[in-house]
C-alpha atoms as a PDB file:
ATOM      1  CA  MET A   1     105.220  80.893 112.257  1.00  0.00           C
ATOM      2  CA  SER A   2     106.077  84.497 111.379  1.00  0.00           C
ATOM      3  CA  ARG A   3     104.834  87.432 113.425  1.00  0.00           C
ATOM      4  CA  VAL A   4     102.743  88.597 110.457  1.00  0.00           C
ATOM      5  CA  HIS A   5     101.111  85.169 110.116  1.00  0.00           C
ATOM      6  CA  GLU A   6     100.440  84.981 113.867  1.00  0.00           C
ATOM      7  CA  ASN A   7      98.931  88.469 113.791  1.00  0.00           C
ATOM      8  CA  ILE A   8      96.574  87.511 110.959  1.00  0.00           C
ATOM      9  CA  ILE A   9      95.471  84.281 112.612  1.00  0.00           C
ATOM     10  CA  SER A  10      95.054  85.664 116.143  1.00  0.00           C
ATOM     11  CA  ARG A  11      93.089  88.825 115.258  1.00  0.00           C
ATOM     12  CA  ARG A  12      89.492  88.817 116.454  1.00  0.00           C
ATOM     13  CA  THR A  13      86.622  91.266 116.265  1.00  0.00           C
ATOM     14  CA  ILE A  14      86.377  93.020 119.614  1.00  0.00           C
ATOM     15  CA  TYR A  15      82.991  93.974 121.023  1.00  0.00           C
ATOM     16  CA  ARG A  16      84.020  95.345 124.444  1.00  0.00           C
ATOM     17  CA  PHE A  17      86.795  97.835 124.953  1.00  0.00           C
ATOM     18  CA  GLU A  18      88.627  99.152 127.984  1.00  0.00           C
ATOM     19  CA  GLU A  19      88.247 102.885 128.561  1.00  0.00           C
ATOM     20  CA  THR A  20      92.009 103.419 128.140  1.00  0.00           C
ATOM     21  CA  PRO A  21      92.619 106.038 125.429  1.00  0.00           C
ATOM     22  CA  ILE A  22      94.634 105.160 122.350  1.00  0.00           C
ATOM     23  CA  GLU A  23      97.728 107.212 121.638  1.00  0.00           C
ATOM     24  CA  MET A  24      97.562 109.252 118.434  1.00  0.00           C
ATOM     25  CA  ALA A  25     100.925 107.746 117.430  1.00  0.00           C
ATOM     26  CA  ALA A  26      99.366 104.248 117.427  1.00  0.00           C
ATOM     27  CA  LEU A  27      96.614 105.438 115.084  1.00  0.00           C
ATOM     28  CA  GLU A  28      99.127 107.076 112.770  1.00  0.00           C
ATOM     29  CA  VAL A  29     101.098 103.809 112.549  1.00  0.00           C
ATOM     30  CA  ALA A  30      97.871 102.030 111.573  1.00  0.00           C
ATOM     31  CA  PHE A  31      96.955 104.677 108.978  1.00  0.00           C
ATOM     32  CA  GLU A  32     100.431 104.298 107.483  1.00  0.00           C
ATOM     33  CA  ALA A  33      99.765 100.561 107.122  1.00  0.00           C
ATOM     34  CA  ALA A  34      96.322 101.300 105.653  1.00  0.00           C
ATOM     35  CA  ARG A  35      97.685 103.566 102.950  1.00  0.00           C
ATOM     36  CA  HIS A  36      99.966 100.766 101.714  1.00  0.00           C
ATOM     37  CA  ALA A  37      97.118  98.402 100.862  1.00  0.00           C
ATOM     38  CA  PRO A  38      97.018  96.831  97.406  1.00  0.00           C
ATOM     39  CA  CYS A  39      95.159  99.148  95.075  1.00  0.00           C
ATOM     40  CA  HIS A  40      94.003  98.710  91.467  1.00  0.00           C
ATOM     41  CA  LYS A  41      95.357 101.432  89.181  1.00  0.00           C
ATOM     42  CA  HIS A  42      96.728 103.275  92.246  1.00  0.00           C
ATOM     43  CA  THR A  43      93.435 105.064  92.845  1.00  0.00           C
ATOM     44  CA  HIS A  44      93.802 105.024  96.649  1.00  0.00           C
ATOM     45  CA  PRO A  45      90.025 105.327  97.053  1.00  0.00           C
ATOM     46  CA  TRP A  46      89.872 105.148 100.857  1.00  0.00           C
ATOM     47  CA  LYS A  47      89.493 107.872 103.446  1.00  0.00           C
ATOM     48  CA  PHE A  48      89.375 107.544 107.211  1.00  0.00           C
ATOM     49  CA  TYR A  49      87.460 110.069 109.324  1.00  0.00           C
ATOM     50  CA  VAL A  50      88.357 109.858 113.030  1.00  0.00           C
ATOM     51  CA  LEU A  51      85.271 111.039 114.887  1.00  0.00           C
ATOM     52  CA  GLY A  52      85.768 113.196 117.958  1.00  0.00           C
ATOM     53  CA  LYS A  53      83.178 113.759 120.662  1.00  0.00           C
ATOM     54  CA  GLU A  54      81.373 116.530 118.777  1.00  0.00           C
ATOM     55  CA  ALA A  55      81.123 114.477 115.566  1.00  0.00           C
ATOM     56  CA  ARG A  56      79.846 111.440 117.471  1.00  0.00           C
ATOM     57  CA  ASN A  57      77.248 113.494 119.341  1.00  0.00           C
ATOM     58  CA  SER A  58      76.022 114.918 116.032  1.00  0.00           C
ATOM     59  CA  LEU A  59      74.997 111.377 115.034  1.00  0.00           C
ATOM     60  CA  ILE A  60      72.790 110.721 118.081  1.00  0.00           C
ATOM     61  CA  PRO A  61      69.482 111.919 116.561  1.00  0.00           C
ATOM     62  CA  GLU A  62      69.950 109.539 113.624  1.00  0.00           C
ATOM     63  CA  ILE A  63      71.107 106.688 115.879  1.00  0.00           C
ATOM     64  CA  GLU A  64      67.933 107.172 117.936  1.00  0.00           C
ATOM     65  CA  ARG A  65      65.776 107.192 114.795  1.00  0.00           C
ATOM     66  CA  LEU A  66      67.386 104.044 113.347  1.00  0.00           C
ATOM     67  CA  ALA A  67      67.220 102.207 116.691  1.00  0.00           C
ATOM     68  CA  THR A  68      63.544 103.116 117.055  1.00  0.00           C
ATOM     69  CA  LEU A  69      62.800 101.729 113.583  1.00  0.00           C
ATOM     70  CA  LYS A  70      64.722  98.550 114.393  1.00  0.00           C
ATOM     71  CA  ALA A  71      62.733  98.103 117.615  1.00  0.00           C
ATOM     72  CA  ALA A  72      59.335  98.417 115.917  1.00  0.00           C
ATOM     73  CA  GLY A  73      56.765  96.227 117.631  1.00  0.00           C
ATOM     74  CA  LYS A  74      58.687  95.968 120.907  1.00  0.00           C
ATOM     75  CA  ASP A  75      57.506  97.377 124.211  1.00  0.00           C
ATOM     76  CA  GLU A  76      58.594 100.820 125.427  1.00  0.00           C
ATOM     77  CA  ILE A  77      61.289  99.492 127.786  1.00  0.00           C
ATOM     78  CA  GLU A  78      62.866  97.366 125.034  1.00  0.00           C
ATOM     79  CA  VAL A  79      62.809 100.350 122.669  1.00  0.00           C
ATOM     80  CA  LYS A  80      64.553 102.591 125.237  1.00  0.00           C
ATOM     81  CA  GLU A  81      67.149  99.889 125.979  1.00  0.00           C
ATOM     82  CA  GLY A  82      67.754  99.412 122.244  1.00  0.00           C
ATOM     83  CA  ILE A  83      68.267 103.126 121.756  1.00  0.00           C
ATOM     84  CA  GLN A  84      70.720 103.302 124.676  1.00  0.00           C
ATOM     85  CA  ARG A  85      72.688 100.305 123.322  1.00  0.00           C
ATOM     86  CA  ALA A  86      72.862 101.901 119.868  1.00  0.00           C
ATOM     87  CA  ILE A  87      74.057 105.239 121.272  1.00  0.00           C
ATOM     88  CA  SER A  88      76.627 103.458 123.428  1.00  0.00           C
ATOM     89  CA  LYS A  89      78.046 101.721 120.352  1.00  0.00           C
ATOM     90  CA  ILE A  90      78.848 105.160 118.930  1.00  0.00           C
ATOM     91  CA  LEU A  91      79.930 106.984 122.092  1.00  0.00           C
ATOM     92  CA  SER A  92      81.778 104.333 124.119  1.00  0.00           C
ATOM     93  CA  PRO A  93      84.621 103.041 121.890  1.00  0.00           C
ATOM     94  CA  PRO A  94      87.848 104.953 122.546  1.00  0.00           C
ATOM     95  CA  VAL A  95      88.168 105.517 118.771  1.00  0.00           C
ATOM     96  CA  LEU A  96      85.493 105.602 116.082  1.00  0.00           C
ATOM     97  CA  ILE A  97      86.485 105.901 112.433  1.00  0.00           C
ATOM     98  CA  ALA A  98      84.151 106.348 109.453  1.00  0.00           C
ATOM     99  CA  VAL A  99      85.622 104.642 106.385  1.00  0.00           C
ATOM    100  CA  THR A 100      84.745 105.767 102.870  1.00  0.00           C
ATOM    101  CA  SER A 101      85.527 104.593  99.368  1.00  0.00           C
ATOM    102  CA  THR A 102      85.450 106.686  96.205  1.00  0.00           C
ATOM    103  CA  VAL A 103      82.230 106.565  94.190  1.00  0.00           C
ATOM    104  CA  THR A 104      82.436 106.203  90.404  1.00  0.00           C
ATOM    105  CA  PRO A 105      78.841 105.756  89.178  1.00  0.00           C
ATOM    106  CA  GLU A 106      79.967 105.966  85.556  1.00  0.00           C
ATOM    107  CA  ASP A 107      82.189 102.882  86.029  1.00  0.00           C
ATOM    108  CA  ASP A 108      80.677 100.055  88.105  1.00  0.00           C
ATOM    109  CA  PHE A 109      83.743  97.876  87.663  1.00  0.00           C
ATOM    110  CA  ARG A 110      86.091 100.631  88.922  1.00  0.00           C
ATOM    111  CA  GLU A 111      83.799 101.211  91.910  1.00  0.00           C
ATOM    112  CA  MET A 112      83.878  97.484  92.734  1.00  0.00           C
ATOM    113  CA  GLU A 113      87.683  97.421  92.467  1.00  0.00           C
ATOM    114  CA  ASP A 114      87.918 100.538  94.644  1.00  0.00           C
ATOM    115  CA  TYR A 115      85.642  98.959  97.262  1.00  0.00           C
ATOM    116  CA  ALA A 116      87.876  95.865  97.296  1.00  0.00           C
ATOM    117  CA  ALA A 117      90.976  98.037  97.688  1.00  0.00           C
ATOM    118  CA  THR A 118      89.314  99.960 100.527  1.00  0.00           C
ATOM    119  CA  ALA A 119      88.456  96.673 102.267  1.00  0.00           C
ATOM    120  CA  CYS A 120      92.139  95.692 101.965  1.00  0.00           C
ATOM    121  CA  SER A 121      93.075  99.044 103.459  1.00  0.00           C
ATOM    122  CA  VAL A 122      90.731  98.430 106.417  1.00  0.00           C
ATOM    123  CA  GLN A 123      92.325  94.996 106.914  1.00  0.00           C
ATOM    124  CA  ASN A 124      95.786  96.592 106.984  1.00  0.00           C
ATOM    125  CA  LEU A 125      94.486  99.142 109.499  1.00  0.00           C
ATOM    126  CA  VAL A 126      92.981  96.581 111.873  1.00  0.00           C
ATOM    127  CA  LEU A 127      95.982  94.236 111.627  1.00  0.00           C
ATOM    128  CA  SER A 128      98.320  97.106 112.445  1.00  0.00           C
ATOM    129  CA  LEU A 129      96.152  98.053 115.415  1.00  0.00           C
ATOM    130  CA  TRP A 130      96.057  94.400 116.542  1.00  0.00           C
ATOM    131  CA  ASP A 131      99.840  94.222 116.330  1.00  0.00           C
ATOM    132  CA  GLN A 132      99.910  97.143 118.785  1.00  0.00           C
ATOM    133  CA  GLY A 133      97.532  95.396 121.198  1.00  0.00           C
ATOM    134  CA  ILE A 134      94.511  97.380 120.010  1.00  0.00           C
ATOM    135  CA  GLY A 135      91.316  95.595 119.015  1.00  0.00           C
ATOM    136  CA  SER A 136      88.696  96.676 116.536  1.00  0.00           C
ATOM    137  CA  GLN A 137      85.289  96.012 115.077  1.00  0.00           C
ATOM    138  CA  TRP A 138      84.211  96.910 111.542  1.00  0.00           C
ATOM    139  CA  SER A 139      80.483  97.634 111.593  1.00  0.00           C
ATOM    140  CA  THR A 140      78.011  98.530 108.876  1.00  0.00           C
ATOM    141  CA  GLY A 141      74.247  98.913 108.833  1.00  0.00           C
ATOM    142  CA  GLY A 142      71.726 101.671 108.275  1.00  0.00           C
ATOM    143  CA  ILE A 143      74.077 104.307 109.627  1.00  0.00           C
ATOM    144  CA  THR A 144      76.338 103.854 106.588  1.00  0.00           C
ATOM    145  CA  ARG A 145      73.472 104.637 104.209  1.00  0.00           C
ATOM    146  CA  SER A 146      71.947 107.587 106.042  1.00  0.00           C
ATOM    147  CA  ASP A 147      71.871 110.982 104.314  1.00  0.00           C
ATOM    148  CA  PHE A 148      71.781 112.513 107.813  1.00  0.00           C
ATOM    149  CA  VAL A 149      75.140 110.897 108.658  1.00  0.00           C
ATOM    150  CA  TYR A 150      76.732 112.115 105.422  1.00  0.00           C
ATOM    151  CA  ARG A 151      75.590 115.678 106.192  1.00  0.00           C
ATOM    152  CA  ALA A 152      76.608 115.500 109.860  1.00  0.00           C
ATOM    153  CA  LEU A 153      80.122 114.313 108.977  1.00  0.00           C
ATOM    154  CA  GLY A 154      80.524 116.582 105.944  1.00  0.00           C
ATOM    155  CA  ILE A 155      81.023 113.650 103.556  1.00  0.00           C
ATOM    156  CA  SER A 156      79.809 114.076  99.983  1.00  0.00           C
ATOM    157  CA  PRO A 157      77.723 111.047  98.917  1.00  0.00           C
ATOM    158  CA  ILE A 158      78.416 112.080  95.323  1.00  0.00           C
ATOM    159  CA  LYS A 159      82.166 111.546  95.808  1.00  0.00           C
ATOM    160  CA  GLU A 160      82.381 108.946  98.608  1.00  0.00           C
ATOM    161  CA  LYS A 161      80.426 106.024 100.000  1.00  0.00           C
ATOM    162  CA  ILE A 162      80.577 105.217 103.709  1.00  0.00           C
ATOM    163  CA  ILE A 163      81.425 101.505 103.790  1.00  0.00           C
ATOM    164  CA  GLY A 164      81.576 101.151 107.545  1.00  0.00           C
ATOM    165  CA  PHE A 165      82.747 102.358 110.902  1.00  0.00           C
ATOM    166  CA  VAL A 166      85.784 100.956 112.682  1.00  0.00           C
ATOM    167  CA  LYS A 167      85.548 100.966 116.462  1.00  0.00           C
ATOM    168  CA  ALA A 168      88.918 100.600 118.171  1.00  0.00           C
ATOM    169  CA  GLY A 169      90.292 100.270 121.667  1.00  0.00           C
ATOM    170  CA  TYR A 170      92.188  98.015 123.987  1.00  0.00           C
ATOM    171  CA  PRO A 171      90.201  94.765 124.278  1.00  0.00           C
ATOM    172  CA  ALA A 172      88.306  94.116 127.508  1.00  0.00           C
ATOM    173  CA  ILE A 173      87.572  90.593 126.236  1.00  0.00           C
ATOM    174  CA  ILE A 174      89.034  88.700 123.277  1.00  0.00           C
ATOM    175  CA  PRO A 175      86.407  86.281 121.990  1.00  0.00           C
ATOM    176  CA  GLN A 176      87.336  82.846 120.699  1.00  0.00           C
ATOM    177  CA  ARG A 177      85.885  81.897 117.339  1.00  0.00           C
ATOM    178  CA  ASP A 178      85.871  78.709 115.325  1.00  0.00           C
ATOM    179  CA  LYS A 179      86.905  79.162 111.732  1.00  0.00           C
ATOM    180  CA  LYS A 180      86.182  76.919 108.770  1.00  0.00           C
ATOM    181  CA  SER A 181      88.951  74.434 108.018  1.00  0.00           C
ATOM    182  CA  VAL A 182      91.249  75.064 105.074  1.00  0.00           C
ATOM    183  CA  ASP A 183      89.627  72.094 103.304  1.00  0.00           C
ATOM    184  CA  GLU A 184      86.269  73.891 103.489  1.00  0.00           C
ATOM    185  CA  ILE A 185      87.498  77.091 101.840  1.00  0.00           C
ATOM    186  CA  ARG A 186      90.112  75.896  99.358  1.00  0.00           C
ATOM    187  CA  LYS A 187      89.766  73.727  96.287  1.00  0.00           C
ATOM    188  CA  TYR A 188      92.507  72.811  93.825  1.00  0.00           C
ATOM    189  CA  LEU A 189      91.251  72.549  90.257  1.00  0.00           C
ATOM    190  CA  PRO A 190      92.941  70.386  87.626  1.00  0.00           C
END
């Protein structure tokens, strides 16, 4: 089995990270891999925004609001715990990256192709990180659709769509996951 194949098969989504910082050089290697993703018509629709402490802290009011909405109907202690968990998900990963894809409202098909290319770019990014011993988690949710977040990060929703956040760091735990068998996902047609 090649190193590339092993890297693809062994990669897992990481939910807990060590506090060890990631070297900037490791991120740059991963961004180099990301920029070489397959891309329809060479549009290169992706952008990666690495969020520093100030940028992350600017998101806290919206994280609190979204977590409060999610916890509707729960008791006060559960609401507070939910808010703290949500804030921790933004503040605790050693690296947090907002990922965007170009918006082309006049061409739905182009926008779909650009989203697919951006997803390929994210896969290249996380595989490159994994190859360097760095784990990641691609997360989405209400935060990716929040006007507040666009304003806080200085991202134009007219030009770009936030498709997710990549959390990255050295894995504290590597979960084991069962995958569907090849027979369940592949079918040869006559």
